[in-house]
Amino acid sequence: MFPFSEADPVNHSSPVPESSEVVIVGGGVIGVSTALFLAARNIQVTLLEKGRIAAEQSSRNWGWIRKQGRDPDELPIVIEACRLWQQLADECGEDIGLRQTGVTYLARTVKDMAKFAKFMQIAAAHDLDTRLLDGAEVASRIGGMARRYAGAMTTPSDMRAEPWLAVPALARLAARKGVRIIENCAVRALDTAGGRITGVWTESGRISTSTVLVAGGAWSSLFLRRHGVSIPQLSVRATVAATEPLPEFHAGAAIEDDIAFRRRQDGGYTLAPGGSNLLFVGPDAFRNATRYLPALLDHPFGTRYLPAAPAGFPDSWSTPRDWTPDSKSPFERMRVLNPAPGASDLASIRRGFTTLFPQFKDLRLKTTWAGMIDAMPDVVPVVDRVSAIGGLFVATGMSGHGFGIGPGIGRVMSDLIQGNDTGHRLDRFRFSRFSDGSPIRLGPAI
């Protein structure tokens, strides 16, 4: 039952092995996808998940698989990811709701259209089918809207899928390909000698390995800091809702200032506020505040703040920052990060949707939930090896873009771990960009 919680049954269990060529920490879309591509090369992989596969942000996102609006350096990887989603959906043999129904950004003003026009140059360089629409075309494509728009930008080849179906299906495919997946098994610590990985300590014992990928989403920074690796990652709460089945007024996904919506496989719509998230201020937020100033100044009203996270959250004031391999870790104390949806966000969702579509004034919500997005100061992830600890790799800070790009990052990480050519330039995603004096270069805010 969605949203997943630690009350859900364990679907992947087996004894912790004595050794594994590669250990992956985190059973979200990035970890699962990387495991799939490593297994395709006959590499022995053990994937360890403290709670349940895809139980956190990998199942709680909007379900958009988009090329539109991407950072130029992300775009080649997400183009590959779109191809891989289609391939993997076929291999899974399950209906994960994958549909090519497009993504549309609605423009209220001419200024909005000017921002879209800048992305059109990037789209043209990558041969995307992105195009600009005028107000009349917008009205004809999305029926029943009470507001007239200046125009829109749309990419018909962009897709949607149901995350809570898709990522667990990928995990089942990975298991069939030989990946050892163990749920309800937290990794407490890395084991190192001579500056290199020699193993990991789990709550069920030690695994000998020379290679570890940390893909722990909102928990990555807490885990890595325990080993002297500092990443300026924060996590923000995003609230989402699903409606009961509604008549179809748009088959794809769309967003404007106040509301985002996409058609769902069950005949309803997934809804979210247009650009509102909540940051719980904790030790990491204070430590990294100056790094986030460019993003704050660029979009000052996009994030709200509360002075403290609930107990047990990654950046809660009370969450331990240090523990031993033989003591209970924060990852066991909170198997699934399951934040409560914000009441004000739900009110905003209802108001934004019914204002735009007054014919649905009696809107009924089927389900509401929230997730914690692993965010970076420049809104692009860290995808790299950690030079200070040989054999340690990191893929985190997807900044709300991880579901769509997941298979692409997984394939890239697989080759990076093997020492192969990844086929893409990864300079933009290097770990050292936060320590080598590089200025913060923001990803697109569209």
Protein backbone atom coordinates (compact mmCIF):
# COMPACT_ATOMS: atom_id res chain seq x y z
CA MET A 1 0.00 0.00 0.00
CA PHE A 2 1.34 3.42 -0.96
CA PRO A 3 2.97 5.36 0.57
CA PHE A 4 5.30 2.59 1.68
CA SER A 5 6.28 2.27 5.31
CA GLU A 6 8.18 -0.11 7.54
CA ALA A 7 4.86 -1.84 8.21
CA ASP A 8 4.95 -3.18 4.64
CA PRO A 9 6.24 -6.73 4.26
CA VAL A 10 9.87 -7.30 3.36
CA ASN A 11 9.98 -8.45 -0.27
CA HIS A 12 13.74 -8.93 -0.61
CA SER A 13 15.52 -10.87 2.12
CA SER A 14 18.51 -13.16 2.27
CA PRO A 15 21.46 -13.69 4.58
CA VAL A 16 24.11 -10.99 4.51
CA PRO A 17 26.96 -12.38 2.40
CA GLU A 18 30.53 -12.57 3.63
CA SER A 19 31.74 -10.67 0.56
CA SER A 20 30.54 -8.86 -2.55
CA GLU A 21 32.35 -7.19 -5.44
CA VAL A 22 30.18 -4.08 -5.07
CA VAL A 23 27.92 -2.94 -2.22
CA ILE A 24 25.25 -0.32 -2.89
CA VAL A 25 23.83 1.65 0.03
CA GLY A 26 20.26 2.71 -0.71
CA GLY A 27 17.38 1.06 -2.54
CA GLY A 28 15.96 4.01 -4.46
CA VAL A 29 15.90 4.49 -8.21
CA ILE A 30 19.62 5.37 -8.40
CA GLY A 31 20.83 2.40 -6.37
CA VAL A 32 18.50 -0.07 -8.07
CA SER A 33 19.36 1.18 -11.57
CA THR A 34 23.11 1.02 -10.89
CA ALA A 35 22.74 -2.52 -9.59
CA LEU A 36 20.88 -3.52 -12.76
CA PHE A 37 23.63 -2.32 -15.07
CA LEU A 38 26.41 -3.82 -12.96
CA ALA A 39 24.62 -7.17 -12.96
CA ALA A 40 24.36 -6.98 -16.76
CA ARG A 41 28.19 -7.06 -16.76
CA ASN A 42 28.19 -10.11 -14.47
CA ILE A 43 29.47 -8.12 -11.52
CA GLN A 44 28.43 -9.40 -8.11
CA VAL A 45 26.29 -6.75 -6.42
CA THR A 46 24.70 -6.55 -2.99
CA LEU A 47 22.13 -3.77 -2.54
CA LEU A 48 21.32 -2.90 1.06
CA GLU A 49 18.22 -0.91 2.00
CA LYS A 50 17.58 0.14 5.60
CA GLY A 51 13.81 0.06 5.10
CA ARG A 52 11.93 -0.88 1.95
CA ILE A 53 12.82 -0.54 -1.73
CA ALA A 54 11.71 2.85 -3.09
CA ALA A 55 9.94 3.70 0.17
CA GLU A 56 11.23 7.26 0.29
CA GLN A 57 11.51 9.91 -2.45
CA SER A 58 11.88 7.40 -5.29
CA SER A 59 8.21 6.47 -4.91
CA ARG A 60 6.93 9.82 -3.64
CA ASN A 61 7.87 12.06 -6.57
CA TRP A 62 5.55 13.44 -9.26
CA GLY A 63 6.28 10.66 -11.75
CA TRP A 64 7.59 12.97 -14.48
CA ILE A 65 10.25 11.69 -16.91
CA ARG A 66 11.28 14.89 -18.60
CA LYS A 67 13.98 16.30 -20.80
CA GLN A 68 12.32 19.71 -20.78
CA GLY A 69 13.87 22.34 -18.53
CA ARG A 70 16.91 20.25 -17.64
CA ASP A 71 20.36 21.57 -16.89
CA PRO A 72 22.36 21.40 -20.16
CA ASP A 73 24.85 19.01 -18.56
CA GLU A 74 22.09 16.73 -17.29
CA LEU A 75 20.31 16.68 -20.62
CA PRO A 76 22.45 14.08 -22.45
CA ILE A 77 22.05 11.70 -19.51
CA VAL A 78 18.29 12.19 -19.28
CA ILE A 79 17.94 11.66 -23.05
CA GLU A 80 19.64 8.31 -22.52
CA ALA A 81 17.45 7.68 -19.46
CA CYS A 82 14.29 8.12 -21.54
CA ARG A 83 15.47 5.39 -23.91
CA LEU A 84 16.40 3.19 -20.97
CA TRP A 85 13.01 3.65 -19.30
CA GLN A 86 11.34 2.24 -22.40
CA GLN A 87 13.81 -0.63 -22.59
CA LEU A 88 13.54 -1.49 -18.90
CA ALA A 89 9.76 -1.27 -18.91
CA ASP A 90 9.76 -3.95 -21.64
CA GLU A 91 12.25 -6.09 -19.71
CA CYS A 92 10.23 -5.82 -16.49
CA GLY A 93 7.16 -7.26 -18.16
CA GLU A 94 5.00 -5.17 -15.83
CA ASP A 95 2.80 -2.16 -16.53
CA ILE A 96 4.54 0.65 -14.68
CA GLY A 97 2.32 3.32 -16.18
CA LEU A 98 4.96 4.46 -18.67
CA ARG A 99 3.28 6.69 -21.24
CA GLN A 100 4.68 9.23 -23.70
CA THR A 101 2.18 12.03 -23.05
CA GLY A 102 4.43 15.09 -22.84
CA VAL A 103 5.33 17.75 -20.30
CA THR A 104 4.07 21.34 -20.56
CA TYR A 105 5.21 24.47 -18.71
CA LEU A 106 2.49 27.14 -18.68
CA ALA A 107 3.45 30.82 -18.98
CA ARG A 108 1.37 33.52 -17.34
CA THR A 109 3.47 36.37 -18.70
CA VAL A 110 5.64 37.38 -21.62
CA LYS A 111 8.58 37.29 -19.18
CA ASP A 112 7.88 33.61 -18.58
CA MET A 113 7.89 32.99 -22.31
CA ALA A 114 11.28 34.71 -22.58
CA LYS A 115 12.69 32.19 -20.07
CA PHE A 116 11.29 29.35 -22.14
CA ALA A 117 12.82 30.83 -25.30
CA LYS A 118 16.28 30.50 -23.71
CA PHE A 119 15.74 26.79 -23.15
CA MET A 120 14.68 26.42 -26.79
CA GLN A 121 18.30 27.08 -27.78
CA ILE A 122 19.40 24.15 -25.60
CA ALA A 123 16.58 21.98 -26.96
CA ALA A 124 17.61 22.72 -30.54
CA ALA A 125 21.22 21.77 -29.81
CA HIS A 126 20.01 18.34 -28.65
CA ASP A 127 17.37 17.84 -31.36
CA LEU A 128 14.49 17.78 -28.87
CA ASP A 129 10.92 18.06 -30.07
CA THR A 130 10.33 20.94 -27.62
CA ARG A 131 8.25 23.82 -28.98
CA LEU A 132 6.59 27.01 -27.82
CA LEU A 133 2.81 27.40 -27.87
CA ASP A 134 0.73 30.56 -28.01
CA GLY A 135 -2.23 31.18 -25.74
CA ALA A 136 -4.79 29.76 -28.15
CA GLU A 137 -2.81 26.54 -28.58
CA VAL A 138 -2.57 26.15 -24.82
CA ALA A 139 -6.33 26.50 -24.42
CA SER A 140 -6.96 23.91 -27.12
CA ARG A 141 -4.52 21.38 -25.62
CA ILE A 142 -5.67 21.58 -21.99
CA GLY A 143 -9.41 21.91 -21.84
CA GLY A 144 -11.53 23.64 -19.22
CA MET A 145 -8.95 26.01 -17.73
CA ALA A 146 -10.37 29.18 -16.22
CA ARG A 147 -7.18 31.17 -16.83
CA ARG A 148 -5.84 32.44 -20.14
CA TYR A 149 -2.09 31.94 -20.55
CA ALA A 150 0.44 33.94 -22.53
CA GLY A 151 1.71 30.65 -23.91
CA ALA A 152 3.63 27.54 -22.94
CA MET A 153 6.60 25.33 -23.67
CA THR A 154 5.95 21.65 -24.34
CA THR A 155 7.94 18.53 -25.14
CA PRO A 156 5.58 15.84 -26.52
CA SER A 157 8.17 13.03 -26.21
CA ASP A 158 8.50 13.48 -22.44
CA MET A 159 6.91 10.72 -20.39
CA ARG A 160 5.18 9.83 -17.16
CA ALA A 161 5.14 6.68 -15.02
CA GLU A 162 3.94 5.57 -11.61
CA PRO A 163 7.02 5.69 -9.34
CA TRP A 164 5.62 3.36 -6.65
CA LEU A 165 5.16 0.74 -9.37
CA ALA A 166 8.22 1.48 -11.48
CA VAL A 167 11.08 1.33 -8.98
CA PRO A 168 9.90 -1.84 -7.21
CA ALA A 169 9.49 -3.42 -10.68
CA LEU A 170 13.10 -2.48 -11.51
CA ALA A 171 14.20 -4.06 -8.23
CA ARG A 172 12.41 -7.31 -9.09
CA LEU A 173 14.12 -7.25 -12.48
CA ALA A 174 17.50 -6.67 -10.78
CA ALA A 175 16.87 -9.60 -8.44
CA ARG A 176 16.08 -11.84 -11.42
CA LYS A 177 19.40 -10.77 -12.94
CA GLY A 178 21.29 -11.87 -9.85
CA VAL A 179 21.46 -8.77 -7.67
CA ARG A 180 21.31 -9.67 -3.97
CA ILE A 181 18.82 -7.19 -2.47
CA ILE A 182 18.40 -7.09 1.29
CA GLU A 183 15.69 -4.89 2.78
CA ASN A 184 15.49 -3.97 6.46
CA CYS A 185 19.28 -4.03 6.63
CA ALA A 186 20.99 -0.72 7.41
CA VAL A 187 24.63 -0.07 6.62
CA ARG A 188 26.08 1.41 9.78
CA ALA A 189 29.57 2.29 8.61
CA LEU A 190 32.28 1.84 6.03
CA ASP A 191 35.30 -0.29 6.92
CA THR A 192 38.55 1.14 5.60
CA ALA A 193 42.27 0.41 5.76
CA GLY A 194 45.09 2.41 4.22
CA GLY A 195 42.64 4.96 2.82
CA ARG A 196 40.63 2.35 0.90
CA ILE A 197 37.32 0.55 1.31
CA THR A 198 37.71 -2.95 2.73
CA GLY A 199 34.11 -3.60 3.67
CA VAL A 200 30.90 -2.32 5.21
CA TRP A 201 29.43 -2.88 8.64
CA THR A 202 25.72 -3.63 8.55
CA GLU A 203 23.32 -4.22 11.41
CA SER A 204 23.57 -7.93 10.50
CA GLY A 205 27.33 -8.16 10.21
CA ARG A 206 30.28 -7.21 8.03
CA ILE A 207 30.52 -7.60 4.25
CA SER A 208 33.97 -7.63 2.69
CA THR A 209 34.12 -5.44 -0.43
CA SER A 210 36.45 -3.08 -2.25
CA THR A 211 33.75 -0.90 -3.80
CA VAL A 212 30.81 0.97 -2.25
CA LEU A 213 28.25 3.27 -3.85
CA VAL A 214 26.37 5.57 -1.48
CA ALA A 215 23.00 6.40 -3.03
CA GLY A 216 21.09 7.11 0.15
CA GLY A 217 19.05 10.11 -0.94
CA ALA A 218 18.23 12.39 1.99
CA TRP A 219 20.43 10.24 4.28
CA SER A 220 23.63 10.38 2.20
CA SER A 221 25.13 13.44 3.86
CA LEU A 222 24.61 12.08 7.38
CA PHE A 223 26.21 8.76 6.47
CA LEU A 224 29.18 10.30 4.65
CA ARG A 225 29.91 12.94 7.30
CA ARG A 226 30.40 10.10 9.79
CA HIS A 227 33.43 9.19 7.62
CA GLY A 228 34.82 12.69 7.18
CA VAL A 229 33.23 13.24 3.75
CA SER A 230 31.28 16.51 3.67
CA ILE A 231 28.63 17.15 1.04
CA PRO A 232 26.50 20.32 1.34
CA GLN A 233 23.25 18.43 0.87
CA LEU A 234 19.98 19.39 2.52
CA SER A 235 16.56 17.77 2.38
CA VAL A 236 13.32 19.64 1.80
CA ARG A 237 9.78 18.41 2.27
CA ALA A 238 7.48 18.31 -0.75
CA THR A 239 3.76 17.58 -0.38
CA VAL A 240 1.81 15.71 -3.05
CA ALA A 241 -1.79 14.53 -3.50
CA ALA A 242 -3.68 12.15 -5.77
CA THR A 243 -7.26 12.79 -6.81
CA GLU A 244 -10.03 10.30 -7.23
CA PRO A 245 -10.65 9.44 -10.94
CA LEU A 246 -11.59 12.50 -12.99
CA PRO A 247 -12.61 13.05 -16.62
CA GLU A 248 -9.45 13.44 -18.68
CA PHE A 249 -8.73 17.06 -19.51
CA HIS A 250 -5.01 16.48 -20.24
CA ALA A 251 -3.16 13.22 -20.81
CA GLY A 252 0.26 14.50 -19.81
CA ALA A 253 1.92 16.62 -17.13
CA ALA A 254 1.83 20.39 -16.74
CA ILE A 255 2.88 23.07 -14.28
CA GLU A 256 2.28 26.76 -13.63
CA ASP A 257 3.03 29.07 -10.70
CA ASP A 258 0.42 27.65 -8.34
CA ILE A 259 -0.21 24.04 -9.34
CA ALA A 260 1.41 21.05 -11.03
CA PHE A 261 -0.64 18.13 -12.33
CA ARG A 262 -0.27 14.94 -14.32
CA ARG A 263 -2.61 12.20 -15.44
CA ARG A 264 -2.31 8.95 -13.52
CA GLN A 265 -2.72 5.36 -14.57
CA ASP A 266 -5.76 5.00 -12.25
CA GLY A 267 -7.68 7.82 -13.95
CA GLY A 268 -6.94 10.48 -11.36
CA TYR A 269 -4.33 13.23 -11.31
CA THR A 270 -1.22 13.68 -9.19
CA LEU A 271 -1.18 17.25 -7.86
CA ALA A 272 1.47 19.38 -6.17
CA PRO A 273 2.04 23.06 -5.40
CA GLY A 274 3.74 24.79 -8.32
CA GLY A 275 6.99 25.60 -6.53
CA SER A 276 6.69 25.41 -2.77
CA ASN A 277 8.88 23.28 -0.48
CA LEU A 278 9.64 23.29 3.24
CA LEU A 279 13.11 23.22 4.80
CA PHE A 280 13.51 22.08 8.39
CA VAL A 281 16.45 24.10 9.71
CA GLY A 282 19.05 21.91 11.43
CA PRO A 283 22.85 21.66 11.88
CA ASP A 284 23.51 20.99 8.18
CA ALA A 285 21.32 23.92 7.14
CA PHE A 286 23.36 26.26 9.35
CA ARG A 287 26.66 24.74 8.24
CA ASN A 288 25.85 25.14 4.54
CA ALA A 289 23.75 28.31 4.60
CA THR A 290 26.15 30.45 2.56
CA ARG A 291 26.33 27.86 -0.21
CA TYR A 292 22.56 28.09 -0.68
CA LEU A 293 22.45 31.89 -0.89
CA PRO A 294 22.57 32.00 -4.73
CA ALA A 295 19.55 29.68 -4.96
CA LEU A 296 17.73 31.61 -2.24
CA LEU A 297 18.30 34.93 -3.97
CA ASP A 298 17.27 33.47 -7.34
CA HIS A 299 14.00 32.08 -5.99
CA PRO A 300 13.39 33.76 -2.59
CA PHE A 301 9.81 32.61 -2.10
CA GLY A 302 10.17 29.01 -3.26
CA THR A 303 11.12 27.60 0.15
CA ARG A 304 9.55 28.04 3.59
CA TYR A 305 11.37 27.31 6.84
CA LEU A 306 10.72 25.69 10.20
CA PRO A 307 13.28 25.83 13.03
CA ALA A 308 13.44 22.10 13.71
CA ALA A 309 12.88 18.80 11.95
CA PRO A 310 10.93 16.00 13.61
CA ALA A 311 13.02 13.68 15.76
CA GLY A 312 15.00 11.15 13.77
CA PHE A 313 15.04 13.10 10.49
CA PRO A 314 18.48 13.37 8.81
CA ASP A 315 19.04 16.99 9.87
CA SER A 316 17.15 16.93 13.14
CA TRP A 317 18.95 18.62 16.03
CA SER A 318 18.60 15.40 18.03
CA THR A 319 19.83 12.97 15.36
CA PRO A 320 23.22 11.49 16.34
CA ARG A 321 26.15 12.52 14.14
CA ASP A 322 28.47 9.78 15.39
CA TRP A 323 27.96 6.14 16.28
CA THR A 324 29.97 2.92 16.27
CA PRO A 325 29.60 -0.05 13.92
CA ASP A 326 28.33 -2.15 16.80
CA SER A 327 25.70 0.35 17.99
CA LYS A 328 22.25 1.15 16.62
CA SER A 329 22.51 3.81 13.91
CA PRO A 330 20.06 6.57 12.94
CA PHE A 331 19.20 4.51 9.85
CA GLU A 332 17.72 1.75 11.99
CA ARG A 333 15.89 4.19 14.22
CA MET A 334 14.02 5.52 11.18
CA ARG A 335 13.61 2.77 8.60
CA VAL A 336 11.44 4.89 6.31
CA LEU A 337 11.50 8.68 6.19
CA ASN A 338 7.77 9.34 6.07
CA PRO A 339 7.06 13.05 6.64
CA ALA A 340 3.50 14.17 7.16
CA PRO A 341 2.05 16.20 4.27
CA GLY A 342 1.76 19.89 5.06
CA ALA A 343 -1.75 21.11 5.82
CA SER A 344 -1.05 24.49 4.19
CA ASP A 345 0.41 22.75 1.13
CA LEU A 346 -2.68 20.57 0.79
CA ALA A 347 -4.86 23.68 1.05
CA SER A 348 -2.71 25.32 -1.61
CA ILE A 349 -3.05 22.27 -3.87
CA ARG A 350 -6.82 22.27 -3.55
CA ARG A 351 -7.06 26.04 -4.06
CA GLY A 352 -4.71 26.10 -7.03
CA PHE A 353 -6.39 23.21 -8.82
CA THR A 354 -10.00 24.28 -8.27
CA THR A 355 -9.18 27.88 -9.21
CA LEU A 356 -7.73 26.69 -12.50
CA PHE A 357 -10.45 24.06 -13.02
CA PRO A 358 -13.59 25.36 -11.25
CA GLN A 359 -15.63 22.50 -12.71
CA PHE A 360 -13.89 20.31 -10.11
CA LYS A 361 -14.82 22.51 -7.13
CA ASP A 362 -15.92 19.40 -5.20
CA LEU A 363 -12.50 17.80 -5.64
CA ARG A 364 -11.92 14.62 -3.65
CA LEU A 365 -8.36 13.58 -2.80
CA LYS A 366 -7.72 9.84 -2.78
CA THR A 367 -4.30 9.96 -1.09
CA THR A 368 -1.93 12.59 0.26
CA TRP A 369 1.74 12.20 1.16
CA ALA A 370 5.07 13.98 1.41
CA GLY A 371 8.67 13.15 0.64
CA MET A 372 12.09 14.56 1.47
CA ILE A 373 14.00 15.74 -1.61
CA ASP A 374 17.81 15.50 -1.43
CA ALA A 375 18.84 18.97 -2.63
CA MET A 376 22.15 20.53 -3.64
CA PRO A 377 23.11 24.24 -3.67
CA ASP A 378 23.33 24.33 -7.48
CA VAL A 379 20.32 22.04 -8.11
CA VAL A 380 22.37 19.31 -9.81
CA PRO A 381 23.61 16.07 -8.21
CA VAL A 382 26.95 14.71 -7.10
CA VAL A 383 27.90 11.78 -9.33
CA ASP A 384 31.53 10.92 -8.66
CA ARG A 385 34.16 8.87 -6.87
CA VAL A 386 35.50 10.16 -3.55
CA SER A 387 39.25 10.56 -3.94
CA ALA A 388 39.91 10.63 -0.19
CA ILE A 389 38.64 7.04 0.22
CA GLY A 390 39.61 4.60 -2.52
CA GLY A 391 36.69 2.55 -3.79
CA LEU A 392 33.99 4.95 -2.52
CA PHE A 393 31.48 6.36 -5.01
CA VAL A 394 28.56 8.74 -4.47
CA ALA A 395 25.37 9.45 -6.42
CA THR A 396 23.14 11.78 -4.43
CA GLY A 397 21.55 15.22 -4.35
CA MET A 398 19.25 14.58 -7.30
CA SER A 399 17.35 17.74 -6.30
CA GLY A 400 13.94 16.42 -7.24
CA HIS A 401 15.04 15.18 -10.67
CA GLY A 402 16.12 11.67 -9.75
CA PHE A 403 13.19 9.56 -10.89
CA GLY A 404 13.29 10.63 -14.52
CA ILE A 405 17.07 10.53 -14.87
CA GLY A 406 17.49 7.45 -12.66
CA PRO A 407 18.28 4.76 -15.24
CA GLY A 408 20.71 7.12 -16.98
CA ILE A 409 22.60 7.85 -13.76
CA GLY A 410 22.55 4.14 -12.97
CA ARG A 411 24.19 3.26 -16.27
CA VAL A 412 26.76 6.05 -15.82
CA MET A 413 27.58 4.95 -12.26
CA SER A 414 27.95 1.35 -13.40
CA ASP A 415 30.63 2.33 -15.90
CA LEU A 416 32.27 4.80 -13.51
CA ILE A 417 32.61 2.02 -10.92
CA GLN A 418 34.10 -0.30 -13.54
CA GLY A 419 36.57 2.34 -14.71
CA ASN A 420 34.98 2.51 -18.17
CA ASP A 421 34.26 5.55 -20.31
CA THR A 422 30.87 6.81 -19.12
CA GLY A 423 30.00 8.38 -22.45
CA HIS A 424 29.11 11.71 -20.82
CA ARG A 425 30.98 14.67 -19.38
CA LEU A 426 30.60 14.57 -15.60
CA ASP A 427 32.57 17.70 -14.63
CA ARG A 428 29.37 19.48 -13.61
CA PHE A 429 28.60 16.72 -11.10
CA ARG A 430 32.05 16.35 -9.52
CA PHE A 431 32.27 16.11 -5.74
CA SER A 432 35.14 18.64 -5.58
CA ARG A 433 33.13 21.55 -6.98
CA PHE A 434 32.19 22.53 -3.43
CA SER A 435 35.78 22.63 -2.20
CA ASP A 436 37.94 23.74 -5.16
CA GLY A 437 36.85 27.38 -5.16
CA SER A 438 34.39 27.03 -8.03
CA PRO A 439 31.50 29.50 -7.93
CA ILE A 440 28.00 28.09 -7.48
CA ARG A 441 26.42 27.79 -10.94
CA LEU A 442 22.69 27.31 -10.59
CA GLY A 443 20.81 24.80 -12.65
CA PRO A 444 17.67 26.02 -14.42
CA ALA A 445 14.77 27.25 -12.30
CA ILE A 446 12.20 26.24 -14.94
